[in-house]
Every structure is written in structure tokens, then in C-alpha cells.
N, C-alpha and C. Protein backbone atom coordinates (compact mmCIF):
# COMPACT_ATOMS: atom_id res chain seq x y z
N MET A 1 -26.88 0.29 74.40
CA MET A 1 -27.40 0.92 73.39
C MET A 1 -26.64 0.78 72.26
N SER A 2 -27.07 0.74 71.08
CA SER A 2 -26.40 0.41 69.91
C SER A 2 -26.28 1.60 69.15
N GLY A 3 -24.88 2.05 68.68
CA GLY A 3 -24.74 2.77 67.88
C GLY A 3 -25.01 3.46 66.59
N ALA A 4 -25.54 2.20 66.07
CA ALA A 4 -26.65 1.79 64.61
C ALA A 4 -27.60 3.26 64.90
N VAL A 5 -27.96 4.39 63.79
CA VAL A 5 -28.62 4.86 63.61
C VAL A 5 -30.05 4.28 62.98
N ALA A 6 -30.97 4.44 63.18
CA ALA A 6 -32.32 4.33 62.12
C ALA A 6 -33.05 5.33 62.18
N ARG A 7 -33.57 5.78 60.89
CA ARG A 7 -34.35 7.11 60.80
C ARG A 7 -35.80 7.08 61.71
N GLY A 8 -36.09 5.95 62.05
CA GLY A 8 -37.39 5.50 63.17
C GLY A 8 -37.28 6.06 64.18
N SER A 9 -36.00 6.60 65.08
CA SER A 9 -35.75 6.40 66.35
C SER A 9 -34.87 7.86 66.17
N LEU A 10 -34.56 8.04 65.15
CA LEU A 10 -33.84 9.70 65.27
C LEU A 10 -34.27 10.62 65.57
N GLY A 11 -33.64 11.45 66.20
CA GLY A 11 -34.63 12.17 67.36
C GLY A 11 -33.87 13.87 66.42
N ALA A 12 -32.61 13.92 66.76
CA ALA A 12 -31.83 14.81 65.92
C ALA A 12 -30.57 14.38 65.57
N TRP A 13 -29.99 15.25 64.74
CA TRP A 13 -28.19 14.98 64.41
C TRP A 13 -27.54 15.97 65.42
N VAL A 14 -26.67 15.55 65.92
CA VAL A 14 -25.62 16.33 66.57
C VAL A 14 -24.06 16.59 66.02
N LEU A 15 -24.24 18.11 65.69
CA LEU A 15 -22.89 18.15 64.97
C LEU A 15 -21.69 18.59 66.01
N LYS A 16 -20.69 18.44 66.31
CA LYS A 16 -19.47 18.70 66.51
C LYS A 16 -18.80 19.71 66.32
N VAL A 17 -18.08 20.49 67.37
CA VAL A 17 -17.03 21.70 66.95
C VAL A 17 -16.50 22.08 67.97
N ASP A 18 -14.88 21.92 67.80
CA ASP A 18 -13.89 22.53 68.75
C ASP A 18 -14.18 23.85 68.81
N PRO A 19 -13.88 24.72 69.52
CA PRO A 19 -14.15 25.87 69.72
C PRO A 19 -12.98 26.55 69.16
N THR A 20 -11.83 25.86 69.75
CA THR A 20 -10.37 26.21 69.08
C THR A 20 -10.34 26.56 67.37
N GLY A 21 -10.30 27.42 67.30
CA GLY A 21 -9.94 28.04 65.82
C GLY A 21 -11.41 28.09 65.12
N SER A 22 -12.42 27.96 65.95
CA SER A 22 -13.86 27.54 65.30
C SER A 22 -14.62 29.19 65.23
N ASP A 23 -15.38 29.81 64.44
CA ASP A 23 -15.88 30.93 64.70
C ASP A 23 -17.65 30.24 64.98
N ILE A 24 -17.67 30.13 66.64
CA ILE A 24 -19.10 29.51 67.14
C ILE A 24 -20.02 30.76 66.61
N GLY A 25 -19.92 31.87 66.95
CA GLY A 25 -20.41 32.98 67.33
C GLY A 25 -21.15 32.92 65.37
N GLY A 26 -20.40 32.98 64.10
CA GLY A 26 -21.20 32.75 62.92
C GLY A 26 -21.68 31.64 62.65
N LEU A 27 -21.51 30.50 63.61
CA LEU A 27 -21.86 29.42 62.96
C LEU A 27 -23.83 29.38 63.82
N LEU A 28 -23.66 30.16 64.71
CA LEU A 28 -25.01 30.08 65.59
C LEU A 28 -26.03 31.46 64.81
N ALA A 29 -25.47 32.08 63.82
CA ALA A 29 -26.46 33.43 63.25
C ALA A 29 -27.39 32.83 62.47
N GLY A 30 -27.97 31.52 62.47
CA GLY A 30 -28.86 31.52 61.56
C GLY A 30 -29.22 31.52 60.09
N GLU A 31 -28.00 31.67 59.53
CA GLU A 31 -27.49 31.87 58.02
C GLU A 31 -27.40 30.25 57.56
N PRO A 32 -27.69 30.04 56.53
CA PRO A 32 -26.99 28.35 55.90
C PRO A 32 -25.51 28.21 56.20
N VAL A 33 -24.84 27.34 56.61
CA VAL A 33 -23.90 27.29 56.95
C VAL A 33 -23.08 25.48 56.52
N ALA A 34 -22.11 25.57 55.91
CA ALA A 34 -21.60 23.91 55.66
C ALA A 34 -20.75 23.76 56.82
N ARG A 35 -21.15 22.49 57.43
CA ARG A 35 -20.25 21.61 58.18
C ARG A 35 -19.94 20.44 57.71
N CYS A 36 -18.39 20.07 57.83
CA CYS A 36 -17.81 18.76 57.26
C CYS A 36 -18.39 17.72 58.40
N VAL A 37 -18.62 16.67 57.79
CA VAL A 37 -18.71 15.34 58.39
C VAL A 37 -18.46 14.33 57.93
N ARG A 38 -18.25 13.17 59.01
CA ARG A 38 -17.07 12.06 58.57
C ARG A 38 -18.14 10.90 57.63
N ALA A 39 -17.76 10.99 56.23
CA ALA A 39 -18.31 9.85 55.89
C ALA A 39 -18.62 8.52 56.38
N SER A 40 -19.85 8.38 56.53
CA SER A 40 -20.57 6.73 56.77
C SER A 40 -21.85 6.54 56.34
N TYR A 41 -22.16 5.03 57.01
CA TYR A 41 -23.40 5.28 56.40
C TYR A 41 -24.97 6.55 56.92
N ARG A 42 -24.19 6.80 58.29
CA ARG A 42 -25.23 8.05 58.82
C ARG A 42 -25.40 9.06 58.03
N THR A 43 -24.03 9.83 56.86
CA THR A 43 -24.51 10.75 55.91
C THR A 43 -25.79 10.20 55.09
N ALA A 44 -25.95 9.04 54.75
CA ALA A 44 -27.14 8.65 53.78
C ALA A 44 -28.19 9.34 54.32
N LEU A 45 -28.40 9.02 55.76
CA LEU A 45 -29.56 9.22 56.37
C LEU A 45 -29.90 10.67 56.69
N VAL A 46 -28.77 11.35 56.83
CA VAL A 46 -29.33 12.73 56.98
C VAL A 46 -29.86 13.28 55.80
N ALA A 47 -31.41 13.79 56.19
CA ALA A 47 -32.42 14.60 55.28
C ALA A 47 -32.76 16.17 55.50
N PRO A 48 -33.22 16.80 54.59
CA PRO A 48 -33.64 18.06 54.79
C PRO A 48 -34.81 18.12 55.92
N GLY A 49 -34.72 19.49 56.51
CA GLY A 49 -35.43 19.48 57.76
C GLY A 49 -35.52 18.65 59.13
N ASP A 50 -34.59 17.50 58.95
CA ASP A 50 -33.90 17.02 60.14
C ASP A 50 -33.39 18.12 61.20
N PRO A 51 -33.68 17.57 62.55
CA PRO A 51 -33.33 18.85 63.41
C PRO A 51 -31.95 18.33 63.68
N VAL A 52 -31.16 19.32 63.92
CA VAL A 52 -29.53 19.50 64.35
C VAL A 52 -29.26 20.23 65.62
N LEU A 53 -28.41 19.75 66.39
CA LEU A 53 -27.88 20.15 67.66
C LEU A 53 -26.43 20.59 67.54
N LEU A 54 -25.93 21.67 67.77
CA LEU A 54 -24.66 21.78 67.64
C LEU A 54 -24.17 21.80 69.25
N TRP A 55 -22.73 20.95 69.15
CA TRP A 55 -22.60 20.31 70.65
C TRP A 55 -20.87 20.96 70.32
N VAL A 56 -20.51 21.49 71.36
CA VAL A 56 -19.48 22.45 71.40
C VAL A 56 -18.39 21.50 72.36
N SER A 57 -17.21 21.22 72.25
CA SER A 57 -16.48 20.10 72.84
C SER A 57 -15.26 21.00 73.62
N GLY A 58 -14.54 20.06 74.21
CA GLY A 58 -13.54 20.70 74.76
C GLY A 58 -13.40 21.33 76.48
N ARG A 59 -12.67 22.11 76.58
CA ARG A 59 -12.56 22.78 78.00
C ARG A 59 -12.32 24.34 77.89
N ASP A 60 -13.06 24.91 76.46
CA ASP A 60 -12.81 26.25 76.57
C ASP A 60 -13.73 27.24 77.55
N ALA A 61 -13.09 28.05 78.37
CA ALA A 61 -14.04 29.17 79.45
C ALA A 61 -14.73 29.53 78.88
N THR A 62 -14.93 30.17 77.59
CA THR A 62 -15.86 30.90 76.79
C THR A 62 -16.95 29.93 76.19
N TRP A 63 -16.66 28.84 76.11
CA TRP A 63 -17.54 27.69 75.13
C TRP A 63 -17.50 26.73 75.79
N PRO A 64 -18.03 26.55 76.84
CA PRO A 64 -18.16 25.18 78.14
C PRO A 64 -18.62 24.21 76.79
N ALA A 65 -18.39 22.79 77.31
CA ALA A 65 -18.51 21.78 76.56
C ALA A 65 -20.25 21.83 76.61
N GLY A 66 -20.99 21.41 75.61
CA GLY A 66 -22.30 21.54 75.82
C GLY A 66 -23.01 21.79 74.52
N VAL A 67 -24.15 21.73 74.59
CA VAL A 67 -25.21 22.00 73.41
C VAL A 67 -25.30 23.68 73.45
N HIS A 68 -24.93 24.20 72.12
CA HIS A 68 -24.92 25.61 72.23
C HIS A 68 -25.64 26.08 71.01
N GLY A 69 -26.26 24.95 70.33
CA GLY A 69 -27.23 25.50 69.11
C GLY A 69 -28.16 24.29 68.36
N SER A 70 -29.10 25.24 68.05
CA SER A 70 -30.36 24.25 67.77
C SER A 70 -31.01 24.65 66.44
N GLY A 71 -31.25 23.77 65.55
CA GLY A 71 -31.72 24.05 64.24
C GLY A 71 -32.48 23.03 63.22
N ARG A 72 -31.88 23.14 61.71
CA ARG A 72 -32.68 22.26 60.95
C ARG A 72 -31.47 21.82 60.02
N VAL A 73 -31.22 21.04 59.17
CA VAL A 73 -30.79 20.24 57.95
C VAL A 73 -31.13 21.46 57.13
N LEU A 74 -30.71 21.78 56.31
CA LEU A 74 -31.20 22.56 54.81
C LEU A 74 -31.24 21.63 53.69
N ALA A 75 -30.37 20.63 53.27
CA ALA A 75 -29.85 20.20 52.41
C ALA A 75 -29.45 18.72 52.51
N ALA A 76 -29.33 17.50 51.99
CA ALA A 76 -28.79 16.62 52.11
C ALA A 76 -27.24 16.79 52.19
N VAL A 77 -26.40 15.46 52.53
CA VAL A 77 -25.18 16.01 52.39
C VAL A 77 -24.71 16.04 50.86
N ASP A 78 -23.54 17.04 51.02
CA ASP A 78 -22.91 16.78 49.89
C ASP A 78 -21.40 16.32 49.61
N ASP A 79 -21.43 15.19 49.04
CA ASP A 79 -20.21 14.47 49.23
C ASP A 79 -19.25 14.36 47.58
N ALA A 80 -19.61 15.03 46.86
CA ALA A 80 -19.27 15.19 45.58
C ALA A 80 -18.08 16.04 45.62
N GLY A 81 -17.76 16.58 46.33
CA GLY A 81 -16.47 17.72 46.34
C GLY A 81 -15.37 16.70 46.79
N PRO A 82 -14.04 17.10 46.48
CA PRO A 82 -12.81 16.72 46.44
C PRO A 82 -12.46 16.50 47.86
N GLY A 83 -13.01 17.36 48.83
CA GLY A 83 -12.58 17.13 50.36
C GLY A 83 -13.84 16.09 51.05
N GLN A 84 -14.09 16.64 52.58
CA GLN A 84 -14.79 15.70 53.20
C GLN A 84 -16.32 15.91 52.86
N PRO A 85 -16.75 15.09 52.85
CA PRO A 85 -18.40 15.77 52.50
C PRO A 85 -19.00 16.73 53.87
N SER A 86 -19.77 17.72 53.85
CA SER A 86 -20.49 18.60 54.18
C SER A 86 -21.92 18.58 54.23
N VAL A 87 -22.56 18.99 55.27
CA VAL A 87 -23.96 19.17 55.13
C VAL A 87 -24.55 20.77 55.52
N CYS A 88 -25.26 20.94 54.88
CA CYS A 88 -25.92 22.53 55.15
C CYS A 88 -27.07 22.36 56.35
N VAL A 89 -26.69 23.28 56.89
CA VAL A 89 -27.69 23.54 58.10
C VAL A 89 -27.64 25.34 58.38
N ALA A 90 -28.79 25.54 59.13
CA ALA A 90 -29.00 26.60 59.76
C ALA A 90 -29.16 26.80 61.36
N LEU A 91 -28.74 27.27 62.12
CA LEU A 91 -28.38 26.99 63.43
C LEU A 91 -28.52 28.48 64.23
N ARG A 92 -29.41 28.75 65.34
CA ARG A 92 -29.72 29.44 66.19
C ARG A 92 -29.07 29.37 67.83
N PRO A 93 -28.82 30.15 68.47
CA PRO A 93 -27.99 29.77 69.88
C PRO A 93 -28.93 29.38 70.87
N VAL A 94 -28.66 28.33 71.41
CA VAL A 94 -29.40 28.16 72.57
C VAL A 94 -29.12 28.57 73.88
N ASP A 95 -29.71 29.54 74.53
CA ASP A 95 -29.41 30.71 75.29
C ASP A 95 -30.35 30.42 76.81
N PRO A 96 -29.46 29.97 77.97
CA PRO A 96 -28.67 29.85 77.87
C PRO A 96 -27.83 28.42 77.51
N PRO A 97 -27.07 27.96 77.21
CA PRO A 97 -26.82 26.48 76.75
C PRO A 97 -26.72 25.60 77.42
N VAL A 98 -26.84 24.33 77.35
CA VAL A 98 -26.95 23.04 78.00
C VAL A 98 -25.98 22.50 78.39
N LEU A 99 -25.40 22.57 79.09
CA LEU A 99 -23.86 22.48 79.51
C LEU A 99 -23.72 20.68 79.94
N ARG A 100 -22.73 20.32 79.56
CA ARG A 100 -22.03 18.50 79.30
C ARG A 100 -22.52 18.25 80.91
N ALA A 101 -22.14 18.95 81.97
CA ALA A 101 -22.39 18.54 83.63
C ALA A 101 -23.80 18.30 83.95
N ASP A 102 -24.62 19.50 83.37
CA ASP A 102 -26.09 19.28 83.46
C ASP A 102 -27.00 17.85 82.61
N LEU A 103 -26.13 17.45 81.50
CA LEU A 103 -26.46 16.38 80.66
C LEU A 103 -26.13 15.08 81.53
N LEU A 104 -24.96 15.31 82.12
CA LEU A 104 -24.51 13.73 82.88
C LEU A 104 -25.37 13.62 83.93
N ALA A 105 -25.83 14.41 84.59
CA ALA A 105 -26.56 14.32 85.96
C ALA A 105 -27.96 14.10 85.55
N HIS A 106 -28.38 13.89 84.40
CA HIS A 106 -29.86 13.96 84.08
C HIS A 106 -29.70 12.21 83.63
N PRO A 107 -31.24 11.52 84.23
CA PRO A 107 -31.47 10.19 84.01
C PRO A 107 -31.24 9.32 82.32
N VAL A 108 -31.92 10.29 81.63
CA VAL A 108 -31.93 9.74 80.29
C VAL A 108 -30.86 10.20 79.32
N LEU A 109 -30.56 11.52 79.53
CA LEU A 109 -29.62 12.34 78.83
C LEU A 109 -28.07 12.29 79.24
N SER A 110 -28.05 11.38 80.45
CA SER A 110 -26.38 10.82 80.54
C SER A 110 -26.07 9.77 79.55
N GLY A 111 -26.95 9.52 79.03
CA GLY A 111 -26.48 7.94 77.64
C GLY A 111 -26.56 9.00 76.53
N LEU A 112 -26.63 9.77 76.25
CA LEU A 112 -26.10 10.56 75.10
C LEU A 112 -24.98 10.00 74.61
N GLU A 113 -24.92 9.84 73.12
CA GLU A 113 -24.10 9.36 72.45
C GLU A 113 -22.76 10.12 72.61
N VAL A 114 -23.11 11.45 72.34
CA VAL A 114 -21.80 12.31 72.19
C VAL A 114 -20.79 12.45 74.06
N LEU A 115 -21.40 12.00 74.81
CA LEU A 115 -21.01 11.94 76.33
C LEU A 115 -20.30 10.51 76.14
N ARG A 116 -21.36 9.45 75.91
CA ARG A 116 -20.25 8.16 75.90
C ARG A 116 -19.54 8.03 75.02
N MET A 117 -19.12 8.78 73.84
CA MET A 117 -18.14 8.24 72.89
C MET A 117 -17.97 10.15 72.54
N ALA A 118 -17.11 10.61 72.99
CA ALA A 118 -16.91 11.92 72.75
C ALA A 118 -15.92 12.33 71.36
N ALA A 119 -15.60 11.13 71.23
CA ALA A 119 -14.31 10.72 69.87
C ALA A 119 -15.22 10.35 69.15
N GLY A 120 -16.47 10.47 68.74
CA GLY A 120 -17.00 9.08 67.60
C GLY A 120 -17.60 10.04 67.18
N SER A 121 -18.43 9.55 66.14
CA SER A 121 -19.14 9.85 64.81
C SER A 121 -19.41 11.15 64.95
N ASN A 122 -19.25 11.93 63.81
CA ASN A 122 -19.71 13.60 63.76
C ASN A 122 -20.18 13.19 62.34
N PRO A 123 -21.60 12.97 61.96
CA PRO A 123 -22.60 13.69 63.02
C PRO A 123 -22.85 12.42 64.14
N SER A 124 -23.17 12.93 65.40
CA SER A 124 -23.53 12.09 66.18
C SER A 124 -25.27 11.97 66.44
N HIS A 125 -25.82 11.84 67.55
CA HIS A 125 -27.53 11.59 66.97
C HIS A 125 -27.97 11.68 68.75
N VAL A 126 -29.10 12.02 68.83
CA VAL A 126 -29.91 12.13 69.96
C VAL A 126 -31.03 11.04 69.31
N THR A 127 -31.75 9.81 70.17
CA THR A 127 -33.00 9.39 70.17
C THR A 127 -33.89 10.44 70.17
N ARG A 128 -34.97 10.12 69.68
CA ARG A 128 -36.61 10.73 69.92
C ARG A 128 -36.49 11.16 71.54
N GLU A 129 -36.33 10.09 72.40
CA GLU A 129 -36.70 10.21 73.80
C GLU A 129 -35.71 11.24 74.19
N GLN A 130 -34.22 11.11 73.46
CA GLN A 130 -33.63 11.75 74.22
C GLN A 130 -33.85 13.20 73.75
N LEU A 131 -34.23 13.81 72.46
CA LEU A 131 -34.46 14.91 72.44
C LEU A 131 -35.66 15.28 73.18
N ASP A 132 -36.77 14.48 73.34
CA ASP A 132 -38.17 14.93 73.87
C ASP A 132 -37.57 15.54 75.68
N ALA A 133 -36.82 14.67 75.98
CA ALA A 133 -36.14 15.16 77.74
C ALA A 133 -35.43 16.05 77.50
N LEU A 134 -34.67 16.36 76.63
CA LEU A 134 -33.63 17.74 76.33
C LEU A 134 -34.83 19.19 76.47
N ARG A 135 -35.74 18.56 75.64
CA ARG A 135 -36.42 19.88 74.92
C ARG A 135 -37.81 20.04 76.24
N HIS A 136 -37.82 19.08 77.19
CA HIS A 136 -38.68 19.45 78.27
C HIS A 136 -37.87 19.76 79.50
N GLY A 137 -36.72 19.41 79.65
CA GLY A 137 -36.01 20.08 80.51
C GLY A 137 -35.26 21.54 80.17
N TRP A 138 -34.84 21.66 78.79
CA TRP A 138 -34.30 23.08 78.36
C TRP A 138 -35.00 23.20 77.48
N PRO A 139 -36.24 23.99 77.57
CA PRO A 139 -37.17 24.54 76.56
C PRO A 139 -36.74 25.54 75.30
N GLN A 140 -35.52 26.21 75.87
CA GLN A 140 -34.72 27.15 74.79
C GLN A 140 -34.44 26.05 73.65
N VAL A 141 -33.79 24.98 74.09
CA VAL A 141 -33.35 24.06 72.66
C VAL A 141 -34.36 24.26 71.69
N GLY A 142 -35.58 24.26 71.86
CA GLY A 142 -36.73 24.26 70.74
C GLY A 142 -37.22 23.42 70.08
């Protein structure tokens, strides 16, 4: 599978967060929040209304690696400031979260970009097929 993302195959954006030093509970409060993203061709593809998933990385016991949040992009990427570009999203908790180990055991979801290339782009993405499989197997993703 190519790493190139196209609007026609996009299921959702995946924003990654390291639980060390991050207020993950605050990110999942359903309120608008800006998240830093890496400047790339992908940031130009992000559009208001796009589905977004929050991926918690690392090996934290409180926040094990996996999908912990689901929501929508609220505004296009803001890259006008002096710092890194950011995207405004609203996220709610995925309860229970969909853990990395469960995704690795799934025939379709084991190919997720965030699993294959953990240090890859932020935002990462899932395809429409992968998002459908995720929602089918874990309805709490919504």
C-alpha cells in the first residue's frame, strides 16, 4: 500500500499523541482543541467535517497504545502562525479504547499506517475500508 493519501480513499485522519506530558482527558472533552501537525501535502487535504481519530502512542499503563478518541475536524489546518501548523478538532472518548494488540490481530486493520510506520506522518490516516472495518468491529468508534 502506498503512503500517498487521496481524498477519494480517505476514511479518517489519525492524530497521534504521546501520553507523557499530554492532557489526554482534556483532548477528549468534546471541546474544540488545536493539535499540532507536521507540514506536508497531507495538511492541504485536511478539511472541516473530516472524521478524525486520536491515537495514543507509547507504553503508558494508564493510556495503552491504541485509538482513544473519535471526532471531527472543525477547521482547515492553520499554518499562518510562526510555529508548527495546527488543526482544530473536537474529540470524544472511545470507550473502551481500541488497543494496538487488537488491531494487529485484525486481517484488515493490521495494515494501518500508524501500526506499520509508528514514527510516520502526523496526521496519519486510515482508508475508507479500514474505517469501516474499525467501526464494524468496535462500534464505540462511531
